[in-house]
Every structure is written in structure tokens, then in C-alpha cells.
């Protein structure tokens, strides 16, 4: 005689298995939804990082553009100064003073753009001081030329303006080199961030495809099992009807209304 608890164990296992099997679609849906939320959060974070990187790249490009303009203005002013030194003609200095009026504006823009870089701020302060000293020395040189001042003093002013110009040009070139290094670093970071975004989006797409494929496979399996079950039920009904017909044919007196085709004697 079998124990009743032992007999119920297979039934309990079957019930638990069928219950878990019924919950699988919801579990799959929840896991897919959670995965998509995590991917969306990661994509949003990396995209914001990419946007920030691009802002810094654009910032470095603006600094380099203004430094290039400052360098061009400075070279134009220096050319006018050298022409005046060679010819002694004051009219050669008109472009110098015209261009020199734009240089303080360029320095102010660079100061605003490089507020996050103390080293460049310090270099800009030194550049402004050098340019002011050079302008003062050049004006003194022009005044000495007008008044027929001492040649020794003129030579000293010439040497001073040349020295100050070289120092200022070195500062501008050093700033351009430093900003170029920063620009390359920021471009590298931006490229890496962009590649990360691509990888995350590709992984998200692949994950969604895999999840959809698993869900479709699950639904297809359930549909096929249902079709098979319905087919089995129909076959069973046909078999039952056949048995009933056979029974009715053998024992006409036992013909019941349950038979679809009860044969009469």
C-alpha cells in the first residue's frame, strides 16, 4: 500500500513546475525591462559625457583661433615697427598702432576663455605687461627721433623693443603649444567616449534582439504546444465517438443520447 504523502509528491512537483512555467513570460518581461532601464541610464550618462567632451574640444579650438589672431596682429605690429626702425618714417608706424588697439581685446577674450587654466592666466598677464612695455619703449623711441635725442638712448630703446617683442612672441607660441596639447588630449577623450557610446548602443540593440528572440521562441513554443494539445483533444473526441458508435452498433439497446451517430436496429 502506497503512502498518501509519497503519492502526492509527484503531483506537487508537477504543480510547482507548471506554476513556474506560467510565470516565465512575466519574469522575462521584467528582466528585459530592467535591462533596458539600465542601458538607458548608461547611455544617458555616456552621452552627457560626450557632449561635455565636445564642449571642451570646441573651447580649445576657440582659444587656438584667438591665439592665432593675436599672433597675426602681433606679427603685423612687429613688421611695422621694423619698417620704422629701418626707414625712420613715422608713417610706417600707423599700422602698428592700428593693430595694437585690437591686441588688448584679444587678450581679454583669452583671459575669459582660459579662466580654468591658472598657468595660461599667468602667461596672459605677463604678455599684457610685455606689450605695454614695448609700446611705451616704442613711443619713447619715436619721441627721441623727433627731438633728435641721444643715439645711445635710441639704441637702447631699439634693443629693448626687440627683446620685449621676442619675449611676447615666445609667450604666444608657448600658449599655442600648451593649448594644442590640451586640444589633442580632449579630442582623444572625446573619441574614446564616442566609441563607448557606440559600443553601449550596439550592446543594447543586440540585447533587445536576443530578448525578443527568446520571448518569440517562448510564445512560439506555447502556441505549438497549444495547437498540439487541441489536435490531441480533437483526436481523442473522434476516438471516443468512434468507440461510442462501435458500442451502439454491437448493443443497440444500450444506445444513448451521448452518441453522435447511434445506429438503430
C-alpha atoms as a PDB file:
ATOM      1  CA  UNK A   1       0.000   0.000   0.000  1.00  0.00           C
ATOM      2  CA  UNK A   2       1.438   3.282  -1.052  1.00  0.00           C
ATOM      3  CA  UNK A   3       1.830   6.163   1.326  1.00  0.00           C
ATOM      4  CA  UNK A   4      -0.540   9.094   0.510  1.00  0.00           C
ATOM      5  CA  UNK A   5       2.183  11.735   1.022  1.00  0.00           C
ATOM      6  CA  UNK A   6       4.506   9.878  -1.310  1.00  0.00           C
ATOM      7  CA  UNK A   7       1.779   9.713  -3.939  1.00  0.00           C
ATOM      8  CA  UNK A   8       1.236  13.472  -3.766  1.00  0.00           C
ATOM      9  CA  UNK A   9       4.906  14.423  -4.159  1.00  0.00           C
ATOM     10  CA  UNK A  10       4.968  13.991  -7.968  1.00  0.00           C
ATOM     11  CA  UNK A  11       1.749  15.969  -8.203  1.00  0.00           C
ATOM     12  CA  UNK A  12       3.241  18.790  -6.092  1.00  0.00           C
ATOM     13  CA  UNK A  13       6.376  18.855  -8.205  1.00  0.00           C
ATOM     14  CA  UNK A  14       4.308  18.975 -11.365  1.00  0.00           C
ATOM     15  CA  UNK A  15       2.211  21.835  -9.959  1.00  0.00           C
ATOM     16  CA  UNK A  16       5.301  23.829  -8.977  1.00  0.00           C
ATOM     17  CA  UNK A  17       6.858  23.243 -12.382  1.00  0.00           C
ATOM     18  CA  UNK A  18       3.728  24.335 -14.214  1.00  0.00           C
ATOM     19  CA  UNK A  19       3.373  27.384 -11.941  1.00  0.00           C
ATOM     20  CA  UNK A  20       6.969  28.428 -12.639  1.00  0.00           C
ATOM     21  CA  UNK A  21       6.458  27.734 -16.327  1.00  0.00           C
ATOM     22  CA  UNK A  22       3.411  30.039 -16.321  1.00  0.00           C
ATOM     23  CA  UNK A  23       5.376  32.826 -14.644  1.00  0.00           C
ATOM     24  CA  UNK A  24       8.312  32.663 -17.049  1.00  0.00           C
ATOM     25  CA  UNK A  25       6.861  35.242 -19.524  1.00  0.00           C
ATOM     26  CA  UNK A  26       6.426  37.778 -16.732  1.00  0.00           C
ATOM     27  CA  UNK A  27       9.903  37.078 -15.405  1.00  0.00           C
ATOM     28  CA  UNK A  28      11.336  37.524 -18.887  1.00  0.00           C
ATOM     29  CA  UNK A  29       9.405  40.752 -19.372  1.00  0.00           C
ATOM     30  CA  UNK A  30      10.637  42.118 -16.014  1.00  0.00           C
ATOM     31  CA  UNK A  31      14.257  41.210 -16.745  1.00  0.00           C
ATOM     32  CA  UNK A  32      14.028  42.779 -20.202  1.00  0.00           C
ATOM     33  CA  UNK A  33      12.500  45.963 -18.808  1.00  0.00           C
ATOM     34  CA  UNK A  34      15.163  46.226 -16.089  1.00  0.00           C
ATOM     35  CA  UNK A  35      17.914  45.663 -18.645  1.00  0.00           C
ATOM     36  CA  UNK A  36      16.522  48.370 -20.902  1.00  0.00           C
ATOM     37  CA  UNK A  37      16.325  50.827 -17.988  1.00  0.00           C
ATOM     38  CA  UNK A  38      19.968  50.141 -17.101  1.00  0.00           C
ATOM     39  CA  UNK A  39      21.021  50.598 -20.721  1.00  0.00           C
ATOM     40  CA  UNK A  40      19.073  53.864 -20.962  1.00  0.00           C
ATOM     41  CA  UNK A  41      20.749  55.177 -17.799  1.00  0.00           C
ATOM     42  CA  UNK A  42      24.222  54.195 -19.029  1.00  0.00           C
ATOM     43  CA  UNK A  43      23.573  55.694 -22.459  1.00  0.00           C
ATOM     44  CA  UNK A  44      22.331  58.946 -20.934  1.00  0.00           C
ATOM     45  CA  UNK A  45      25.409  59.227 -18.732  1.00  0.00           C
ATOM     46  CA  UNK A  46      27.863  58.494 -21.544  1.00  0.00           C
ATOM     47  CA  UNK A  47      26.022  60.814 -23.939  1.00  0.00           C
ATOM     48  CA  UNK A  48      26.243  63.657 -21.427  1.00  0.00           C
ATOM     49  CA  UNK A  49      29.940  62.925 -21.051  1.00  0.00           C
ATOM     50  CA  UNK A  50      30.347  63.029 -24.830  1.00  0.00           C
ATOM     51  CA  UNK A  51      28.552  66.376 -25.009  1.00  0.00           C
ATOM     52  CA  UNK A  52      30.816  67.748 -22.263  1.00  0.00           C
ATOM     53  CA  UNK A  53      33.904  66.486 -24.092  1.00  0.00           C
ATOM     54  CA  UNK A  54      32.769  68.162 -27.297  1.00  0.00           C
ATOM     55  CA  UNK A  55      32.266  71.441 -25.420  1.00  0.00           C
ATOM     56  CA  UNK A  56      35.848  71.297 -24.166  1.00  0.00           C
ATOM     57  CA  UNK A  57      37.146  70.478 -27.646  1.00  0.00           C
ATOM     58  CA  UNK A  58      35.260  73.478 -29.031  1.00  0.00           C
ATOM     59  CA  UNK A  59      36.640  75.574 -26.159  1.00  0.00           C
ATOM     60  CA  UNK A  60      40.240  74.653 -27.043  1.00  0.00           C
ATOM     61  CA  UNK A  61      39.569  75.389 -30.705  1.00  0.00           C
ATOM     62  CA  UNK A  62      38.269  78.864 -29.780  1.00  0.00           C
ATOM     63  CA  UNK A  63      41.384  79.534 -27.702  1.00  0.00           C
ATOM     64  CA  UNK A  64      43.643  78.437 -30.565  1.00  0.00           C
ATOM     65  CA  UNK A  65      41.684  80.583 -33.026  1.00  0.00           C
ATOM     66  CA  UNK A  66      42.064  83.722 -30.890  1.00  0.00           C
ATOM     67  CA  UNK A  67      45.731  82.931 -30.225  1.00  0.00           C
ATOM     68  CA  UNK A  68      46.246  82.685 -33.979  1.00  0.00           C
ATOM     69  CA  UNK A  69      44.568  86.052 -34.473  1.00  0.00           C
ATOM     70  CA  UNK A  70      46.642  87.556 -31.659  1.00  0.00           C
ATOM     71  CA  UNK A  71      49.802  86.173 -33.217  1.00  0.00           C
ATOM     72  CA  UNK A  72      48.833  87.630 -36.602  1.00  0.00           C
ATOM     73  CA  UNK A  73      48.138  91.050 -35.077  1.00  0.00           C
ATOM     74  CA  UNK A  74      51.384  90.910 -33.161  1.00  0.00           C
ATOM     75  CA  UNK A  75      53.385  89.992 -36.279  1.00  0.00           C
ATOM     76  CA  UNK A  76      51.725  92.804 -38.240  1.00  0.00           C
ATOM     77  CA  UNK A  77      52.636  95.274 -35.484  1.00  0.00           C
ATOM     78  CA  UNK A  78      56.170  93.923 -35.346  1.00  0.00           C
ATOM     79  CA  UNK A  79      56.558  94.336 -39.105  1.00  0.00           C
ATOM     80  CA  UNK A  80      55.506  97.985 -38.848  1.00  0.00           C
ATOM     81  CA  UNK A  81      57.986  98.502 -36.015  1.00  0.00           C
ATOM     82  CA  UNK A  82      60.835  97.029 -38.038  1.00  0.00           C
ATOM     83  CA  UNK A  83      59.929  99.153 -41.062  1.00  0.00           C
ATOM     84  CA  UNK A  84      60.058 102.245 -38.900  1.00  0.00           C
ATOM     85  CA  UNK A  85      63.444 101.194 -37.494  1.00  0.00           C
ATOM     86  CA  UNK A  86      64.820 100.703 -40.997  1.00  0.00           C
ATOM     87  CA  UNK A  87      63.319 103.766 -42.677  1.00  0.00           C
ATOM     88  CA  UNK A  88      62.818 106.142 -39.763  1.00  0.00           C
ATOM     89  CA  UNK A  89      59.493 107.130 -41.358  1.00  0.00           C
ATOM     90  CA  UNK A  90      56.739 107.627 -38.782  1.00  0.00           C
ATOM     91  CA  UNK A  91      54.012 106.776 -41.276  1.00  0.00           C
ATOM     92  CA  UNK A  92      55.255 103.171 -41.087  1.00  0.00           C
ATOM     93  CA  UNK A  93      54.004 103.047 -37.516  1.00  0.00           C
ATOM     94  CA  UNK A  94      50.363 103.731 -38.422  1.00  0.00           C
ATOM     95  CA  UNK A  95      49.588 100.016 -38.944  1.00  0.00           C
ATOM     96  CA  UNK A  96      51.413  99.290 -35.692  1.00  0.00           C
ATOM     97  CA  UNK A  97      49.181 101.482 -33.563  1.00  0.00           C
ATOM     98  CA  UNK A  98      46.078 100.431 -35.522  1.00  0.00           C
ATOM     99  CA  UNK A  99      46.755  96.753 -34.924  1.00  0.00           C
ATOM    100  CA  UNK A 100      47.906  97.313 -31.329  1.00  0.00           C
ATOM    101  CA  UNK A 101      44.428  98.594 -30.477  1.00  0.00           C
ATOM    102  CA  UNK A 102      42.996  95.126 -31.181  1.00  0.00           C
ATOM    103  CA  UNK A 103      45.570  93.231 -29.112  1.00  0.00           C
ATOM    104  CA  UNK A 104      44.114  94.141 -25.656  1.00  0.00           C
ATOM    105  CA  UNK A 105      40.699  92.872 -26.823  1.00  0.00           C
ATOM    106  CA  UNK A 106      42.266  89.578 -27.914  1.00  0.00           C
ATOM    107  CA  UNK A 107      43.964  89.221 -24.542  1.00  0.00           C
ATOM    108  CA  UNK A 108      40.696  89.949 -22.722  1.00  0.00           C
ATOM    109  CA  UNK A 109      38.908  87.214 -24.706  1.00  0.00           C
ATOM    110  CA  UNK A 110      41.694  84.767 -23.938  1.00  0.00           C
ATOM    111  CA  UNK A 111      41.501  85.669 -20.253  1.00  0.00           C
ATOM    112  CA  UNK A 112      37.788  84.882 -20.282  1.00  0.00           C
ATOM    113  CA  UNK A 113      38.261  81.575 -22.128  1.00  0.00           C
ATOM    114  CA  UNK A 114      41.177  80.337 -20.029  1.00  0.00           C
ATOM    115  CA  UNK A 115      39.707  81.149 -16.622  1.00  0.00           C
ATOM    116  CA  UNK A 116      40.017  77.430 -15.734  1.00  0.00           C
ATOM    117  CA  UNK A 117      43.760  77.397 -16.535  1.00  0.00           C
ATOM    118  CA  UNK A 118      45.899  79.315 -13.990  1.00  0.00           C
ATOM    119  CA  UNK A 119      49.098  78.740 -15.994  1.00  0.00           C
ATOM    120  CA  UNK A 120      47.683  80.435 -19.089  1.00  0.00           C
ATOM    121  CA  UNK A 121      46.187  83.225 -16.989  1.00  0.00           C
ATOM    122  CA  UNK A 122      49.661  83.931 -15.643  1.00  0.00           C
ATOM    123  CA  UNK A 123      51.153  83.903 -19.135  1.00  0.00           C
ATOM    124  CA  UNK A 124      48.494  86.320 -20.384  1.00  0.00           C
ATOM    125  CA  UNK A 125      49.261  88.716 -17.548  1.00  0.00           C
ATOM    126  CA  UNK A 126      52.935  88.564 -18.469  1.00  0.00           C
ATOM    127  CA  UNK A 127      52.088  89.072 -22.164  1.00  0.00           C
ATOM    128  CA  UNK A 128      49.994  92.150 -21.443  1.00  0.00           C
ATOM    129  CA  UNK A 129      52.819  93.608 -19.363  1.00  0.00           C
ATOM    130  CA  UNK A 130      55.386  92.974 -22.103  1.00  0.00           C
ATOM    131  CA  UNK A 131      53.200  94.523 -24.798  1.00  0.00           C
ATOM    132  CA  UNK A 132      52.567  97.622 -22.663  1.00  0.00           C
ATOM    133  CA  UNK A 133      56.303  97.994 -22.015  1.00  0.00           C
ATOM    134  CA  UNK A 134      57.071  97.551 -25.696  1.00  0.00           C
ATOM    135  CA  UNK A 135      54.516 100.191 -26.680  1.00  0.00           C
ATOM    136  CA  UNK A 136      55.993 102.567 -24.140  1.00  0.00           C
ATOM    137  CA  UNK A 137      59.531 101.961 -25.336  1.00  0.00           C
ATOM    138  CA  UNK A 138      58.491 102.428 -28.967  1.00  0.00           C
ATOM    139  CA  UNK A 139      56.720 105.707 -28.211  1.00  0.00           C
ATOM    140  CA  UNK A 140      59.827 106.902 -26.392  1.00  0.00           C
ATOM    141  CA  UNK A 141      61.925 105.884 -29.393  1.00  0.00           C
ATOM    142  CA  UNK A 142      59.669 107.877 -31.727  1.00  0.00           C
ATOM    143  CA  UNK A 143      59.847 110.910 -29.433  1.00  0.00           C
ATOM    144  CA  UNK A 144      63.633 110.711 -29.357  1.00  0.00           C
ATOM    145  CA  UNK A 145      63.677 110.557 -33.147  1.00  0.00           C
ATOM    146  CA  UNK A 146      61.502 113.657 -33.383  1.00  0.00           C
ATOM    147  CA  UNK A 147      63.538 115.597 -30.844  1.00  0.00           C
ATOM    148  CA  UNK A 148      66.916 114.409 -32.111  1.00  0.00           C
ATOM    149  CA  UNK A 149      67.684 112.555 -28.867  1.00  0.00           C
ATOM    150  CA  UNK A 150      70.821 110.724 -27.981  1.00  0.00           C
ATOM    151  CA  UNK A 151      71.813 107.893 -30.243  1.00  0.00           C
ATOM    152  CA  UNK A 152      72.786 105.694 -27.297  1.00  0.00           C
ATOM    153  CA  UNK A 153      69.321 106.036 -25.838  1.00  0.00           C
ATOM    154  CA  UNK A 154      67.731 105.239 -29.182  1.00  0.00           C
ATOM    155  CA  UNK A 155      69.883 102.131 -29.496  1.00  0.00           C
ATOM    156  CA  UNK A 156      68.862 101.095 -26.005  1.00  0.00           C
ATOM    157  CA  UNK A 157      65.178 101.550 -26.857  1.00  0.00           C
ATOM    158  CA  UNK A 158      65.610  99.632 -30.080  1.00  0.00           C
ATOM    159  CA  UNK A 159      67.235  96.746 -28.227  1.00  0.00           C
ATOM    160  CA  UNK A 160      64.552  96.887 -25.547  1.00  0.00           C
ATOM    161  CA  UNK A 161      61.641  96.827 -28.027  1.00  0.00           C
ATOM    162  CA  UNK A 162      63.249  93.919 -29.906  1.00  0.00           C
ATOM    163  CA  UNK A 163      63.798  91.990 -26.668  1.00  0.00           C
ATOM    164  CA  UNK A 164      60.254  92.621 -25.453  1.00  0.00           C
ATOM    165  CA  UNK A 165      58.836  91.593 -28.840  1.00  0.00           C
ATOM    166  CA  UNK A 166      60.788  88.314 -28.737  1.00  0.00           C
ATOM    167  CA  UNK A 167      59.600  87.577 -25.211  1.00  0.00           C
ATOM    168  CA  UNK A 168      55.983  88.317 -26.136  1.00  0.00           C
ATOM    169  CA  UNK A 169      56.192  86.117 -29.240  1.00  0.00           C
ATOM    170  CA  UNK A 170      57.672  83.286 -27.169  1.00  0.00           C
ATOM    171  CA  UNK A 171      54.767  83.529 -24.714  1.00  0.00           C
ATOM    172  CA  UNK A 172      52.221  83.413 -27.553  1.00  0.00           C
ATOM    173  CA  UNK A 173      53.933  80.396 -29.105  1.00  0.00           C
ATOM    174  CA  UNK A 174      54.158  78.633 -25.737  1.00  0.00           C
ATOM    175  CA  UNK A 175      50.460  79.218 -25.134  1.00  0.00           C
ATOM    176  CA  UNK A 176      49.632  77.809 -28.556  1.00  0.00           C
ATOM    177  CA  UNK A 177      51.757  74.721 -27.875  1.00  0.00           C
ATOM    178  CA  UNK A 178      50.103  74.178 -24.482  1.00  0.00           C
ATOM    179  CA  UNK A 179      46.618  74.605 -25.921  1.00  0.00           C
ATOM    180  CA  UNK A 180      47.454  72.270 -28.781  1.00  0.00           C
ATOM    181  CA  UNK A 181      48.407  69.578 -26.244  1.00  0.00           C
ATOM    182  CA  UNK A 182      45.133  70.152 -24.390  1.00  0.00           C
ATOM    183  CA  UNK A 183      43.173  70.006 -27.650  1.00  0.00           C
ATOM    184  CA  UNK A 184      44.722  66.671 -28.630  1.00  0.00           C
ATOM    185  CA  UNK A 185      44.025  65.234 -25.182  1.00  0.00           C
ATOM    186  CA  UNK A 186      40.425  66.396 -25.280  1.00  0.00           C
ATOM    187  CA  UNK A 187      39.940  65.066 -28.808  1.00  0.00           C
ATOM    188  CA  UNK A 188      41.313  61.693 -27.690  1.00  0.00           C
ATOM    189  CA  UNK A 189      38.934  61.610 -24.713  1.00  0.00           C
ATOM    190  CA  UNK A 190      36.043  62.625 -26.968  1.00  0.00           C
ATOM    191  CA  UNK A 191      36.841  59.828 -29.427  1.00  0.00           C
ATOM    192  CA  UNK A 192      37.003  57.273 -26.623  1.00  0.00           C
ATOM    193  CA  UNK A 193      33.683  58.491 -25.260  1.00  0.00           C
ATOM    194  CA  UNK A 194      32.150  58.287 -28.736  1.00  0.00           C
ATOM    195  CA  UNK A 195      33.382  54.715 -29.132  1.00  0.00           C
ATOM    196  CA  UNK A 196      31.916  53.872 -25.729  1.00  0.00           C
ATOM    197  CA  UNK A 197      28.555  55.277 -26.835  1.00  0.00           C
ATOM    198  CA  UNK A 198      28.680  53.150 -29.978  1.00  0.00           C
ATOM    199  CA  UNK A 199      29.524  50.008 -28.001  1.00  0.00           C
ATOM    200  CA  UNK A 200      26.718  50.615 -25.497  1.00  0.00           C
ATOM    201  CA  UNK A 201      24.164  51.260 -28.238  1.00  0.00           C
ATOM    202  CA  UNK A 202      25.304  48.178 -30.144  1.00  0.00           C
ATOM    203  CA  UNK A 203      25.111  46.081 -26.965  1.00  0.00           C
ATOM    204  CA  UNK A 204      21.663  47.472 -26.223  1.00  0.00           C
ATOM    205  CA  UNK A 205      20.430  46.638 -29.706  1.00  0.00           C
ATOM    206  CA  UNK A 206      21.878  43.136 -29.522  1.00  0.00           C
ATOM    207  CA  UNK A 207      20.401  42.573 -26.075  1.00  0.00           C
ATOM    208  CA  UNK A 208      16.964  43.706 -27.216  1.00  0.00           C
ATOM    209  CA  UNK A 209      17.169  41.425 -30.246  1.00  0.00           C
ATOM    210  CA  UNK A 210      18.170  38.481 -28.042  1.00  0.00           C
ATOM    211  CA  UNK A 211      15.380  39.183 -25.558  1.00  0.00           C
ATOM    212  CA  UNK A 212      12.823  39.495 -28.323  1.00  0.00           C
ATOM    213  CA  UNK A 213      14.085  36.290 -29.879  1.00  0.00           C
ATOM    214  CA  UNK A 214      13.755  34.469 -26.554  1.00  0.00           C
ATOM    215  CA  UNK A 215      10.265  35.855 -25.999  1.00  0.00           C
ATOM    216  CA  UNK A 216       9.254  34.914 -29.543  1.00  0.00           C
ATOM    217  CA  UNK A 217      10.660  31.428 -29.043  1.00  0.00           C
ATOM    218  CA  UNK A 218       8.711  31.129 -25.815  1.00  0.00           C
ATOM    219  CA  UNK A 219       5.484  32.292 -27.427  1.00  0.00           C
ATOM    220  CA  UNK A 220       6.072  30.027 -30.419  1.00  0.00           C
ATOM    221  CA  UNK A 221       6.637  27.042 -28.126  1.00  0.00           C
ATOM    222  CA  UNK A 222       3.450  27.775 -26.200  1.00  0.00           C
ATOM    223  CA  UNK A 223       1.496  28.211 -29.426  1.00  0.00           C
ATOM    224  CA  UNK A 224       2.819  24.941 -30.826  1.00  0.00           C
ATOM    225  CA  UNK A 225       2.032  23.115 -27.595  1.00  0.00           C
ATOM    226  CA  UNK A 226      -1.473  24.566 -27.610  1.00  0.00           C
ATOM    227  CA  UNK A 227      -2.005  23.507 -31.201  1.00  0.00           C
ATOM    228  CA  UNK A 228      -0.734  20.037 -30.382  1.00  0.00           C
ATOM    229  CA  UNK A 229      -2.986  19.885 -27.335  1.00  0.00           C
ATOM    230  CA  UNK A 230      -6.031  20.939 -29.354  1.00  0.00           C
ATOM    231  CA  UNK A 231      -5.141  18.377 -32.010  1.00  0.00           C
ATOM    232  CA  UNK A 232      -4.827  15.678 -29.351  1.00  0.00           C
ATOM    233  CA  UNK A 233      -8.190  16.654 -27.880  1.00  0.00           C
ATOM    234  CA  UNK A 234      -9.852  16.520 -31.279  1.00  0.00           C
ATOM    235  CA  UNK A 235      -8.332  13.092 -31.955  1.00  0.00           C
ATOM    236  CA  UNK A 236      -9.470  11.923 -28.551  1.00  0.00           C
ATOM    237  CA  UNK A 237     -13.011  13.176 -29.199  1.00  0.00           C
ATOM    238  CA  UNK A 238     -13.067  11.422 -32.543  1.00  0.00           C
ATOM    239  CA  UNK A 239     -11.835   8.234 -30.900  1.00  0.00           C
ATOM    240  CA  UNK A 240     -14.488   8.484 -28.183  1.00  0.00           C
ATOM    241  CA  UNK A 241     -17.195   8.984 -30.806  1.00  0.00           C
ATOM    242  CA  UNK A 242     -15.888   6.004 -32.735  1.00  0.00           C
ATOM    243  CA  UNK A 243     -15.973   3.852 -29.624  1.00  0.00           C
ATOM    244  CA  UNK A 244     -19.486   5.013 -28.843  1.00  0.00           C
ATOM    245  CA  UNK A 245     -20.594   4.220 -32.389  1.00  0.00           C
ATOM    246  CA  UNK A 246     -18.996   0.796 -32.151  1.00  0.00           C
ATOM    247  CA  UNK A 247     -20.708   0.153 -28.825  1.00  0.00           C
ATOM    248  CA  UNK A 248     -24.043   1.295 -30.190  1.00  0.00           C
ATOM    249  CA  UNK A 249     -23.697  -0.976 -33.189  1.00  0.00           C
ATOM    250  CA  UNK A 250     -22.976  -4.001 -31.029  1.00  0.00           C
ATOM    251  CA  UNK A 251     -25.628  -3.314 -28.403  1.00  0.00           C
ATOM    252  CA  UNK A 252     -28.453  -1.365 -29.979  1.00  0.00           C
ATOM    253  CA  UNK A 253     -30.475  -1.467 -26.794  1.00  0.00           C
ATOM    254  CA  UNK A 254     -27.784   0.490 -24.977  1.00  0.00           C
ATOM    255  CA  UNK A 255     -27.804   3.354 -27.443  1.00  0.00           C
ATOM    256  CA  UNK A 256     -27.539   6.601 -25.544  1.00  0.00           C
ATOM    257  CA  UNK A 257     -28.094  10.157 -26.496  1.00  0.00           C
ATOM    258  CA  UNK A 258     -24.411  10.829 -25.918  1.00  0.00           C
ATOM    259  CA  UNK A 259     -23.603   9.051 -29.181  1.00  0.00           C
ATOM    260  CA  UNK A 260     -23.495  11.404 -32.174  1.00  0.00           C
ATOM    261  CA  UNK A 261     -24.396   8.608 -34.605  1.00  0.00           C
ATOM    262  CA  UNK A 262     -26.462   5.980 -32.787  1.00  0.00           C
ATOM    263  CA  UNK A 263     -27.329   3.143 -35.141  1.00  0.00           C
ATOM    264  CA  UNK A 264     -30.895   1.972 -34.978  1.00  0.00           C
ATOM    265  CA  UNK A 265     -31.713  -1.838 -35.274  1.00  0.00           C
END
